[in-house]
Amino acid sequence: MVGSNVGSNAGLHELLRGQCVVQPGWLKPEAVAALRDDIRALDAAGQFVASGVATGGVDGDYSSDEDRLVSVLSHRTPADLRLDALCRGLRRSLSRPTLSCAGERYYSV
């Protein structure tokens, strides 16, 4: 279902149980390097902001110091073709033809 197994049932059992599936080498090293370069450029341009969903501790107080930083993507990334293929594979393998993966995409650091 992932990586070179897109469309197969590799990892399906784990996914149906709500578990994560890891496929080493899912992205080629060149794509990973391009993603990292993209993140560095967006960071240098000040395009990351606190997501506003984290809390600072057990008491539930919000703290931007403890929050993750996000940058909503308005452009295609080196991972998008792989993500699109993954979504198509999930639709088939899970028999969910209306499954949508077209939501907001963003980097989270």
N, C-alpha and C. Protein backbone atom coordinates (compact mmCIF):
# COMPACT_ATOMS: atom_id res chain seq x y z
N MET A 1 0.81 -1.19 0.00
CA MET A 1 0.00 0.00 0.00
C MET A 1 0.86 1.26 0.00
N VAL A 2 2.03 1.18 0.59
CA VAL A 2 2.90 2.34 0.62
C VAL A 2 4.19 2.01 -0.12
N GLY A 3 4.92 3.07 -0.45
CA GLY A 3 6.19 2.86 -1.14
C GLY A 3 6.00 2.12 -2.44
N SER A 4 6.85 1.15 -2.68
CA SER A 4 6.75 0.38 -3.90
C SER A 4 5.58 -0.59 -3.87
N ASN A 5 4.92 -0.67 -2.72
CA ASN A 5 3.79 -1.58 -2.56
C ASN A 5 2.44 -0.89 -2.76
N VAL A 6 2.44 0.31 -3.33
CA VAL A 6 1.18 1.02 -3.54
C VAL A 6 0.23 0.12 -4.31
N GLY A 7 -0.97 -0.04 -3.76
CA GLY A 7 -1.97 -0.86 -4.42
C GLY A 7 -1.99 -2.28 -3.90
N SER A 8 -0.95 -2.72 -3.19
CA SER A 8 -0.95 -4.06 -2.61
C SER A 8 -1.58 -3.98 -1.22
N ASN A 9 -1.63 -5.10 -0.54
CA ASN A 9 -2.20 -5.12 0.81
C ASN A 9 -1.15 -5.01 1.88
N ALA A 10 0.08 -4.65 1.52
CA ALA A 10 1.14 -4.49 2.51
C ALA A 10 0.74 -3.44 3.54
N GLY A 11 0.70 -3.83 4.81
CA GLY A 11 0.36 -2.90 5.88
C GLY A 11 -1.12 -2.72 6.10
N LEU A 12 -1.96 -3.35 5.31
CA LEU A 12 -3.41 -3.16 5.43
C LEU A 12 -3.92 -3.61 6.81
N HIS A 13 -3.45 -4.74 7.27
CA HIS A 13 -3.90 -5.26 8.57
C HIS A 13 -3.64 -4.24 9.68
N GLU A 14 -2.44 -3.66 9.68
CA GLU A 14 -2.09 -2.67 10.69
C GLU A 14 -2.96 -1.42 10.58
N LEU A 15 -3.17 -0.97 9.36
CA LEU A 15 -4.00 0.23 9.15
C LEU A 15 -5.42 0.01 9.63
N LEU A 16 -5.97 -1.16 9.34
CA LEU A 16 -7.34 -1.45 9.76
C LEU A 16 -7.46 -1.51 11.28
N ARG A 17 -6.36 -1.79 11.96
CA ARG A 17 -6.35 -1.80 13.43
C ARG A 17 -6.01 -0.43 13.99
N GLY A 18 -5.86 0.56 13.13
CA GLY A 18 -5.58 1.92 13.57
C GLY A 18 -4.12 2.18 13.88
N GLN A 19 -3.24 1.30 13.41
CA GLN A 19 -1.82 1.45 13.67
C GLN A 19 -1.15 2.19 12.52
N CYS A 20 0.03 2.68 12.80
CA CYS A 20 0.85 3.32 11.77
C CYS A 20 1.61 2.25 10.99
N VAL A 21 1.90 2.56 9.76
CA VAL A 21 2.71 1.69 8.92
C VAL A 21 3.90 2.50 8.44
N VAL A 22 5.09 1.94 8.61
CA VAL A 22 6.31 2.60 8.17
C VAL A 22 6.90 1.83 7.00
N GLN A 23 7.18 2.54 5.95
CA GLN A 23 7.80 1.92 4.77
C GLN A 23 9.14 2.60 4.54
N PRO A 24 10.24 1.99 4.98
CA PRO A 24 11.56 2.61 4.77
C PRO A 24 11.79 2.88 3.28
N GLY A 25 12.39 4.02 3.01
CA GLY A 25 12.71 4.36 1.63
C GLY A 25 11.51 4.80 0.82
N TRP A 26 10.41 5.17 1.49
CA TRP A 26 9.19 5.56 0.78
C TRP A 26 9.44 6.73 -0.15
N LEU A 27 10.28 7.66 0.29
CA LEU A 27 10.71 8.76 -0.58
C LEU A 27 12.17 8.57 -0.92
N LYS A 28 12.50 8.87 -2.15
CA LYS A 28 13.90 8.78 -2.57
C LYS A 28 14.71 9.86 -1.84
N PRO A 29 16.00 9.60 -1.59
CA PRO A 29 16.84 10.58 -0.90
C PRO A 29 16.81 11.97 -1.54
N GLU A 30 16.70 12.03 -2.87
CA GLU A 30 16.65 13.33 -3.54
C GLU A 30 15.39 14.10 -3.16
N ALA A 31 14.27 13.39 -3.02
CA ALA A 31 13.02 14.04 -2.63
C ALA A 31 13.09 14.53 -1.19
N VAL A 32 13.69 13.72 -0.32
CA VAL A 32 13.86 14.14 1.08
C VAL A 32 14.73 15.40 1.14
N ALA A 33 15.81 15.42 0.39
CA ALA A 33 16.68 16.60 0.36
C ALA A 33 15.93 17.83 -0.16
N ALA A 34 15.10 17.64 -1.18
CA ALA A 34 14.32 18.76 -1.73
C ALA A 34 13.30 19.27 -0.71
N LEU A 35 12.67 18.36 0.03
CA LEU A 35 11.74 18.78 1.08
C LEU A 35 12.45 19.58 2.16
N ARG A 36 13.61 19.11 2.56
CA ARG A 36 14.38 19.83 3.58
C ARG A 36 14.80 21.21 3.09
N ASP A 37 15.21 21.30 1.83
CA ASP A 37 15.56 22.60 1.25
C ASP A 37 14.35 23.53 1.24
N ASP A 38 13.19 22.99 0.89
CA ASP A 38 11.96 23.78 0.86
C ASP A 38 11.63 24.30 2.26
N ILE A 39 11.75 23.43 3.26
CA ILE A 39 11.47 23.82 4.64
C ILE A 39 12.43 24.92 5.08
N ARG A 40 13.72 24.76 4.77
CA ARG A 40 14.70 25.78 5.14
C ARG A 40 14.38 27.13 4.50
N ALA A 41 13.99 27.12 3.23
CA ALA A 41 13.66 28.37 2.54
C ALA A 41 12.43 29.03 3.15
N LEU A 42 11.40 28.23 3.45
CA LEU A 42 10.20 28.79 4.07
C LEU A 42 10.51 29.34 5.46
N ASP A 43 11.34 28.63 6.22
CA ASP A 43 11.73 29.10 7.55
C ASP A 43 12.49 30.41 7.45
N ALA A 44 13.44 30.48 6.51
CA ALA A 44 14.22 31.71 6.33
C ALA A 44 13.33 32.89 5.93
N ALA A 45 12.23 32.59 5.23
CA ALA A 45 11.31 33.64 4.79
C ALA A 45 10.26 33.96 5.86
N GLY A 46 10.37 33.33 7.03
CA GLY A 46 9.43 33.62 8.12
C GLY A 46 8.04 33.04 7.91
N GLN A 47 7.94 31.94 7.16
CA GLN A 47 6.64 31.38 6.80
C GLN A 47 6.10 30.36 7.80
N PHE A 48 6.81 30.11 8.91
CA PHE A 48 6.32 29.19 9.93
C PHE A 48 5.74 29.97 11.10
N VAL A 49 4.58 29.52 11.60
CA VAL A 49 3.93 30.15 12.75
C VAL A 49 3.47 29.05 13.71
N ALA A 50 3.26 29.43 14.97
CA ALA A 50 2.75 28.48 15.95
C ALA A 50 1.36 28.01 15.50
N SER A 51 1.11 26.72 15.64
CA SER A 51 -0.15 26.17 15.14
C SER A 51 -1.35 26.54 15.99
N GLY A 52 -1.13 26.85 17.27
CA GLY A 52 -2.23 27.25 18.13
C GLY A 52 -3.03 26.10 18.71
N VAL A 53 -2.48 24.89 18.68
CA VAL A 53 -3.24 23.76 19.22
C VAL A 53 -2.56 23.08 20.40
N ALA A 54 -1.31 23.38 20.66
CA ALA A 54 -0.59 22.71 21.74
C ALA A 54 -0.87 23.37 23.08
N THR A 55 -0.64 22.64 24.13
CA THR A 55 -0.75 23.21 25.48
C THR A 55 0.61 23.14 26.13
N GLY A 56 0.77 24.00 27.13
CA GLY A 56 2.05 24.10 27.79
C GLY A 56 2.26 23.11 28.91
N GLY A 57 1.24 22.38 29.30
CA GLY A 57 1.42 21.44 30.40
C GLY A 57 0.13 20.75 30.76
N VAL A 58 0.15 20.05 31.85
CA VAL A 58 -0.99 19.25 32.30
C VAL A 58 -2.20 20.13 32.58
N ASP A 59 -1.96 21.36 33.02
CA ASP A 59 -3.09 22.24 33.36
C ASP A 59 -3.83 22.76 32.14
N GLY A 60 -3.32 22.51 30.95
CA GLY A 60 -4.01 22.90 29.73
C GLY A 60 -3.76 24.32 29.29
N ASP A 61 -2.87 25.04 29.99
CA ASP A 61 -2.57 26.41 29.57
C ASP A 61 -1.86 26.39 28.22
N TYR A 62 -2.29 27.28 27.34
CA TYR A 62 -1.66 27.39 26.03
C TYR A 62 -0.30 28.03 26.18
N SER A 63 0.67 27.54 25.43
CA SER A 63 2.00 28.12 25.42
C SER A 63 2.56 28.04 24.01
N SER A 64 2.79 29.18 23.39
CA SER A 64 3.38 29.15 22.05
C SER A 64 4.81 28.64 22.09
N ASP A 65 5.45 28.67 23.26
CA ASP A 65 6.80 28.13 23.38
C ASP A 65 6.82 26.62 23.22
N GLU A 66 5.71 25.97 23.55
CA GLU A 66 5.62 24.51 23.48
C GLU A 66 4.92 24.03 22.22
N ASP A 67 4.45 24.93 21.40
CA ASP A 67 3.64 24.59 20.23
C ASP A 67 4.53 24.21 19.05
N ARG A 68 3.98 23.41 18.16
CA ARG A 68 4.69 23.09 16.93
C ARG A 68 4.54 24.26 15.97
N LEU A 69 5.45 24.35 15.03
CA LEU A 69 5.39 25.39 14.01
C LEU A 69 4.89 24.77 12.72
N VAL A 70 4.03 25.50 12.01
CA VAL A 70 3.47 24.99 10.77
C VAL A 70 3.60 26.03 9.67
N SER A 71 3.63 25.53 8.45
CA SER A 71 3.62 26.37 7.27
C SER A 71 2.67 25.71 6.26
N VAL A 72 1.54 26.36 6.01
CA VAL A 72 0.57 25.82 5.05
C VAL A 72 1.17 25.95 3.66
N LEU A 73 1.07 24.88 2.89
CA LEU A 73 1.68 24.85 1.56
C LEU A 73 0.71 25.35 0.50
N SER A 74 1.20 26.27 -0.29
CA SER A 74 0.41 26.77 -1.42
C SER A 74 1.00 26.26 -2.73
N HIS A 75 1.96 25.35 -2.62
CA HIS A 75 2.65 24.83 -3.80
C HIS A 75 2.79 23.32 -3.68
N ARG A 76 3.05 22.68 -4.79
CA ARG A 76 3.30 21.24 -4.80
C ARG A 76 4.69 20.98 -4.23
N THR A 77 4.85 19.84 -3.59
CA THR A 77 6.14 19.49 -3.01
C THR A 77 6.65 18.20 -3.65
N PRO A 78 7.92 17.87 -3.42
CA PRO A 78 8.47 16.63 -3.97
C PRO A 78 7.75 15.37 -3.47
N ALA A 79 7.01 15.48 -2.38
CA ALA A 79 6.32 14.30 -1.83
C ALA A 79 4.90 14.15 -2.36
N ASP A 80 4.37 15.15 -3.04
CA ASP A 80 2.96 15.12 -3.43
C ASP A 80 2.58 13.96 -4.34
N LEU A 81 3.42 13.63 -5.30
CA LEU A 81 3.09 12.50 -6.18
C LEU A 81 2.98 11.21 -5.38
N ARG A 82 3.88 11.02 -4.42
CA ARG A 82 3.85 9.83 -3.57
C ARG A 82 2.60 9.85 -2.67
N LEU A 83 2.26 11.02 -2.13
CA LEU A 83 1.07 11.13 -1.29
C LEU A 83 -0.20 10.85 -2.09
N ASP A 84 -0.25 11.35 -3.30
CA ASP A 84 -1.41 11.10 -4.17
C ASP A 84 -1.55 9.60 -4.45
N ALA A 85 -0.43 8.94 -4.73
CA ALA A 85 -0.46 7.50 -4.99
C ALA A 85 -0.87 6.73 -3.74
N LEU A 86 -0.40 7.17 -2.59
CA LEU A 86 -0.78 6.54 -1.33
C LEU A 86 -2.29 6.64 -1.12
N CYS A 87 -2.84 7.81 -1.37
CA CYS A 87 -4.29 8.01 -1.19
C CYS A 87 -5.08 7.11 -2.13
N ARG A 88 -4.65 7.00 -3.38
CA ARG A 88 -5.35 6.10 -4.32
C ARG A 88 -5.29 4.66 -3.82
N GLY A 89 -4.13 4.24 -3.32
CA GLY A 89 -3.99 2.90 -2.78
C GLY A 89 -4.87 2.66 -1.57
N LEU A 90 -4.98 3.66 -0.70
CA LEU A 90 -5.85 3.54 0.47
C LEU A 90 -7.32 3.43 0.05
N ARG A 91 -7.72 4.21 -0.94
CA ARG A 91 -9.11 4.12 -1.42
C ARG A 91 -9.43 2.69 -1.87
N ARG A 92 -8.51 2.11 -2.66
CA ARG A 92 -8.73 0.75 -3.16
C ARG A 92 -8.68 -0.28 -2.04
N SER A 93 -7.62 -0.26 -1.26
CA SER A 93 -7.41 -1.28 -0.24
C SER A 93 -8.44 -1.25 0.87
N LEU A 94 -8.91 -0.06 1.21
CA LEU A 94 -9.90 0.08 2.27
C LEU A 94 -11.33 0.07 1.74
N SER A 95 -11.48 -0.07 0.42
CA SER A 95 -12.81 -0.02 -0.23
C SER A 95 -13.57 1.23 0.17
N ARG A 96 -12.87 2.36 0.11
CA ARG A 96 -13.47 3.65 0.45
C ARG A 96 -13.24 4.61 -0.72
N PRO A 97 -14.03 4.46 -1.79
CA PRO A 97 -13.79 5.27 -2.99
C PRO A 97 -13.95 6.77 -2.78
N THR A 98 -14.63 7.19 -1.72
CA THR A 98 -14.82 8.62 -1.49
C THR A 98 -13.79 9.19 -0.52
N LEU A 99 -12.82 8.38 -0.06
CA LEU A 99 -11.79 8.86 0.84
C LEU A 99 -11.06 10.03 0.18
N SER A 100 -11.00 11.14 0.88
CA SER A 100 -10.37 12.33 0.32
C SER A 100 -9.06 12.63 1.04
N CYS A 101 -8.05 12.88 0.28
CA CYS A 101 -6.76 13.29 0.81
C CYS A 101 -6.42 14.69 0.29
N ALA A 102 -7.43 15.41 -0.14
CA ALA A 102 -7.21 16.70 -0.79
C ALA A 102 -7.24 17.86 0.18
N GLY A 103 -7.21 17.58 1.47
CA GLY A 103 -7.26 18.65 2.46
C GLY A 103 -6.00 19.49 2.47
N GLU A 104 -5.95 20.36 3.42
CA GLU A 104 -4.82 21.26 3.57
C GLU A 104 -3.55 20.46 3.81
N ARG A 105 -2.50 20.82 3.13
CA ARG A 105 -1.19 20.20 3.33
C ARG A 105 -0.26 21.24 3.91
N TYR A 106 0.52 20.81 4.88
CA TYR A 106 1.42 21.75 5.52
C TYR A 106 2.63 21.02 6.09
N TYR A 107 3.70 21.78 6.28
CA TYR A 107 4.87 21.27 6.99
C TYR A 107 4.62 21.55 8.47
N SER A 108 5.02 20.65 9.31
CA SER A 108 4.91 20.81 10.75
C SER A 108 6.24 20.45 11.37
N VAL A 109 6.83 21.39 12.10
CA VAL A 109 8.13 21.14 12.73
C VAL A 109 8.07 21.47 14.20
